[in-house]
C-alpha atoms as a PDB file:
ATOM      1  CA  UNK A   1       0.000   0.000   0.000  1.00  0.00           C
ATOM      2  CA  UNK A   2       1.255   3.489  -0.823  1.00  0.00           C
ATOM      3  CA  UNK A   3       1.740   6.049   1.888  1.00  0.00           C
ATOM      4  CA  UNK A   4      -0.316   9.204   2.165  1.00  0.00           C
ATOM      5  CA  UNK A   5       2.567  11.353   0.841  1.00  0.00           C
ATOM      6  CA  UNK A   6       3.014   9.140  -2.209  1.00  0.00           C
ATOM      7  CA  UNK A   7      -0.709   9.338  -2.946  1.00  0.00           C
ATOM      8  CA  UNK A   8      -0.600  13.140  -2.681  1.00  0.00           C
ATOM      9  CA  UNK A   9       2.430  13.280  -4.994  1.00  0.00           C
ATOM     10  CA  UNK A  10       0.612  11.081  -7.499  1.00  0.00           C
ATOM     11  CA  UNK A  11      -2.499  13.292  -7.276  1.00  0.00           C
ATOM     12  CA  UNK A  12      -0.386  16.405  -7.875  1.00  0.00           C
ATOM     13  CA  UNK A  13       1.340  14.769 -10.841  1.00  0.00           C
ATOM     14  CA  UNK A  14      -2.042  13.690 -12.224  1.00  0.00           C
ATOM     15  CA  UNK A  15      -3.411  17.260 -11.945  1.00  0.00           C
ATOM     16  CA  UNK A  16      -0.301  18.633 -13.635  1.00  0.00           C
ATOM     17  CA  UNK A  17      -0.693  16.173 -16.504  1.00  0.00           C
ATOM     18  CA  UNK A  18      -4.375  17.071 -16.874  1.00  0.00           C
ATOM     19  CA  UNK A  19      -3.518  20.808 -17.007  1.00  0.00           C
ATOM     20  CA  UNK A  20      -0.755  20.169 -19.555  1.00  0.00           C
ATOM     21  CA  UNK A  21      -3.213  18.192 -21.675  1.00  0.00           C
ATOM     22  CA  UNK A  22      -5.765  21.020 -21.517  1.00  0.00           C
ATOM     23  CA  UNK A  23      -3.095  23.542 -22.468  1.00  0.00           C
ATOM     24  CA  UNK A  24      -2.009  21.358 -25.400  1.00  0.00           C
ATOM     25  CA  UNK A  25      -5.620  20.976 -26.561  1.00  0.00           C
ATOM     26  CA  UNK A  26      -6.201  24.730 -26.355  1.00  0.00           C
ATOM     27  CA  UNK A  27      -2.977  25.510 -28.205  1.00  0.00           C
ATOM     28  CA  UNK A  28      -3.875  23.132 -31.052  1.00  0.00           C
ATOM     29  CA  UNK A  29      -7.370  24.652 -31.224  1.00  0.00           C
ATOM     30  CA  UNK A  30      -5.883  28.148 -31.344  1.00  0.00           C
ATOM     31  CA  UNK A  31      -3.481  27.104 -34.103  1.00  0.00           C
ATOM     32  CA  UNK A  32      -6.377  25.649 -36.082  1.00  0.00           C
ATOM     33  CA  UNK A  33      -8.337  28.901 -35.808  1.00  0.00           C
ATOM     34  CA  UNK A  34      -5.276  30.965 -36.745  1.00  0.00           C
ATOM     35  CA  UNK A  35      -4.870  28.859 -39.887  1.00  0.00           C
ATOM     36  CA  UNK A  36      -8.542  29.262 -40.771  1.00  0.00           C
ATOM     37  CA  UNK A  37      -8.221  33.021 -40.327  1.00  0.00           C
ATOM     38  CA  UNK A  38      -4.978  33.183 -42.313  1.00  0.00           C
ATOM     39  CA  UNK A  39      -6.617  31.436 -45.271  1.00  0.00           C
ATOM     40  CA  UNK A  40      -9.297  34.129 -45.650  1.00  0.00           C
ATOM     41  CA  UNK A  41      -8.979  36.122 -48.911  1.00  0.00           C
ATOM     42  CA  UNK A  42      -8.434  39.423 -47.094  1.00  0.00           C
ATOM     43  CA  UNK A  43      -5.665  37.973 -44.949  1.00  0.00           C
ATOM     44  CA  UNK A  44      -3.995  36.407 -47.993  1.00  0.00           C
ATOM     45  CA  UNK A  45      -4.135  39.725 -49.871  1.00  0.00           C
ATOM     46  CA  UNK A  46      -2.746  41.602 -46.857  1.00  0.00           C
ATOM     47  CA  UNK A  47       0.071  39.083 -46.538  1.00  0.00           C
ATOM     48  CA  UNK A  48       0.868  39.307 -50.264  1.00  0.00           C
ATOM     49  CA  UNK A  49       0.960  43.125 -50.143  1.00  0.00           C
ATOM     50  CA  UNK A  50       3.215  43.040 -47.066  1.00  0.00           C
ATOM     51  CA  UNK A  51       5.506  40.571 -48.824  1.00  0.00           C
ATOM     52  CA  UNK A  52       5.654  42.710 -51.972  1.00  0.00           C
ATOM     53  CA  UNK A  53       6.367  45.860 -49.984  1.00  0.00           C
ATOM     54  CA  UNK A  54       9.101  44.072 -48.061  1.00  0.00           C
ATOM     55  CA  UNK A  55      10.709  42.944 -51.297  1.00  0.00           C
ATOM     56  CA  UNK A  56      10.475  46.430 -52.760  1.00  0.00           C
ATOM     57  CA  UNK A  57      12.002  47.964 -49.643  1.00  0.00           C
ATOM     58  CA  UNK A  58      14.800  45.400 -49.745  1.00  0.00           C
ATOM     59  CA  UNK A  59      15.551  46.235 -53.374  1.00  0.00           C
ATOM     60  CA  UNK A  60      15.397  49.978 -52.877  1.00  0.00           C
ATOM     61  CA  UNK A  61      16.804  49.952 -49.340  1.00  0.00           C
ATOM     62  CA  UNK A  62      19.986  51.825 -50.119  1.00  0.00           C
ATOM     63  CA  UNK A  63      18.164  54.527 -52.047  1.00  0.00           C
ATOM     64  CA  UNK A  64      15.426  54.953 -49.452  1.00  0.00           C
ATOM     65  CA  UNK A  65      17.047  54.486 -46.065  1.00  0.00           C
ATOM     66  CA  UNK A  66      20.582  55.752 -46.384  1.00  0.00           C
ATOM     67  CA  UNK A  67      20.082  59.410 -47.132  1.00  0.00           C
ATOM     68  CA  UNK A  68      18.875  58.891 -50.672  1.00  0.00           C
ATOM     69  CA  UNK A  69      16.199  60.924 -52.390  1.00  0.00           C
ATOM     70  CA  UNK A  70      13.406  59.115 -50.560  1.00  0.00           C
ATOM     71  CA  UNK A  71      14.912  59.030 -47.067  1.00  0.00           C
ATOM     72  CA  UNK A  72      12.272  58.529 -44.407  1.00  0.00           C
ATOM     73  CA  UNK A  73       9.611  57.323 -46.843  1.00  0.00           C
ATOM     74  CA  UNK A  74       7.377  54.613 -45.443  1.00  0.00           C
ATOM     75  CA  UNK A  75       5.594  52.629 -48.156  1.00  0.00           C
ATOM     76  CA  UNK A  76       2.893  51.424 -45.777  1.00  0.00           C
ATOM     77  CA  UNK A  77       1.911  55.007 -45.033  1.00  0.00           C
ATOM     78  CA  UNK A  78       2.060  56.096 -48.697  1.00  0.00           C
ATOM     79  CA  UNK A  79       0.166  53.103 -50.091  1.00  0.00           C
ATOM     80  CA  UNK A  80      -3.347  54.276 -49.043  1.00  0.00           C
ATOM     81  CA  UNK A  81      -2.753  57.450 -51.048  1.00  0.00           C
ATOM     82  CA  UNK A  82      -1.031  55.819 -54.001  1.00  0.00           C
ATOM     83  CA  UNK A  83      -3.655  53.132 -54.687  1.00  0.00           C
ATOM     84  CA  UNK A  84      -6.582  55.549 -55.223  1.00  0.00           C
ATOM     85  CA  UNK A  85      -4.323  57.664 -57.442  1.00  0.00           C
ATOM     86  CA  UNK A  86      -3.424  54.643 -59.565  1.00  0.00           C
ATOM     87  CA  UNK A  87      -7.101  53.665 -59.681  1.00  0.00           C
ATOM     88  CA  UNK A  88      -8.056  57.168 -60.831  1.00  0.00           C
ATOM     89  CA  UNK A  89      -5.364  57.109 -63.525  1.00  0.00           C
ATOM     90  CA  UNK A  90      -6.681  53.752 -64.753  1.00  0.00           C
ATOM     91  CA  UNK A  91     -10.315  54.943 -64.817  1.00  0.00           C
ATOM     92  CA  UNK A  92      -9.445  58.118 -66.751  1.00  0.00           C
ATOM     93  CA  UNK A  93      -7.181  56.167 -69.131  1.00  0.00           C
ATOM     94  CA  UNK A  94      -4.245  58.455 -68.428  1.00  0.00           C
ATOM     95  CA  UNK A  95      -1.562  55.774 -68.432  1.00  0.00           C
ATOM     96  CA  UNK A  96       0.555  57.264 -71.215  1.00  0.00           C
ATOM     97  CA  UNK A  97       0.674  60.796 -69.753  1.00  0.00           C
ATOM     98  CA  UNK A  98       1.333  59.353 -66.279  1.00  0.00           C
ATOM     99  CA  UNK A  99       4.207  57.221 -67.558  1.00  0.00           C
ATOM    100  CA  UNK A 100       5.613  60.207 -69.470  1.00  0.00           C
ATOM    101  CA  UNK A 101       5.402  62.384 -66.353  1.00  0.00           C
ATOM    102  CA  UNK A 102       7.079  59.629 -64.318  1.00  0.00           C
ATOM    103  CA  UNK A 103       9.907  59.299 -66.819  1.00  0.00           C
ATOM    104  CA  UNK A 104      10.399  63.075 -66.891  1.00  0.00           C
ATOM    105  CA  UNK A 105      10.419  63.190 -63.075  1.00  0.00           C
ATOM    106  CA  UNK A 106      12.954  60.340 -62.938  1.00  0.00           C
ATOM    107  CA  UNK A 107      15.221  62.033 -65.485  1.00  0.00           C
ATOM    108  CA  UNK A 108      14.939  65.318 -63.582  1.00  0.00           C
ATOM    109  CA  UNK A 109      15.773  63.635 -60.285  1.00  0.00           C
ATOM    110  CA  UNK A 110      18.705  61.810 -61.879  1.00  0.00           C
ATOM    111  CA  UNK A 111      19.989  65.104 -63.305  1.00  0.00           C
ATOM    112  CA  UNK A 112      19.686  66.868 -59.929  1.00  0.00           C
ATOM    113  CA  UNK A 113      21.493  64.052 -58.097  1.00  0.00           C
ATOM    114  CA  UNK A 114      24.211  63.819 -60.742  1.00  0.00           C
ATOM    115  CA  UNK A 115      24.829  67.565 -60.931  1.00  0.00           C
ATOM    116  CA  UNK A 116      27.778  68.684 -58.831  1.00  0.00           C
ATOM    117  CA  UNK A 117      27.365  71.846 -56.757  1.00  0.00           C
ATOM    118  CA  UNK A 118      29.436  74.809 -57.894  1.00  0.00           C
ATOM    119  CA  UNK A 119      31.727  75.551 -54.956  1.00  0.00           C
END
């Protein structure tokens, strides 16, 4: 026969195992719900946009972050303004003038950066 202390130790161990099992069950349930939520179309689109922005920031990192022409620019803060502008350009069928203006702005910026100050 087991002593009273051994029985108490076994009861404590049993309670601990039951709590660990409940925690495991809840964590698997939470993971399941997170996966269901992550597979929603809005979440997939948000993830894809975040991934694209991250890639763009990685490619343009030196130009944006290290004192380049767009220092301090945050794409996530500019995107809500840029998307309606692009939508408006598409609705008005102004792609060619917009591209021409973009090319002229890029050439002007390149010329300003390339130009050496007269000192």
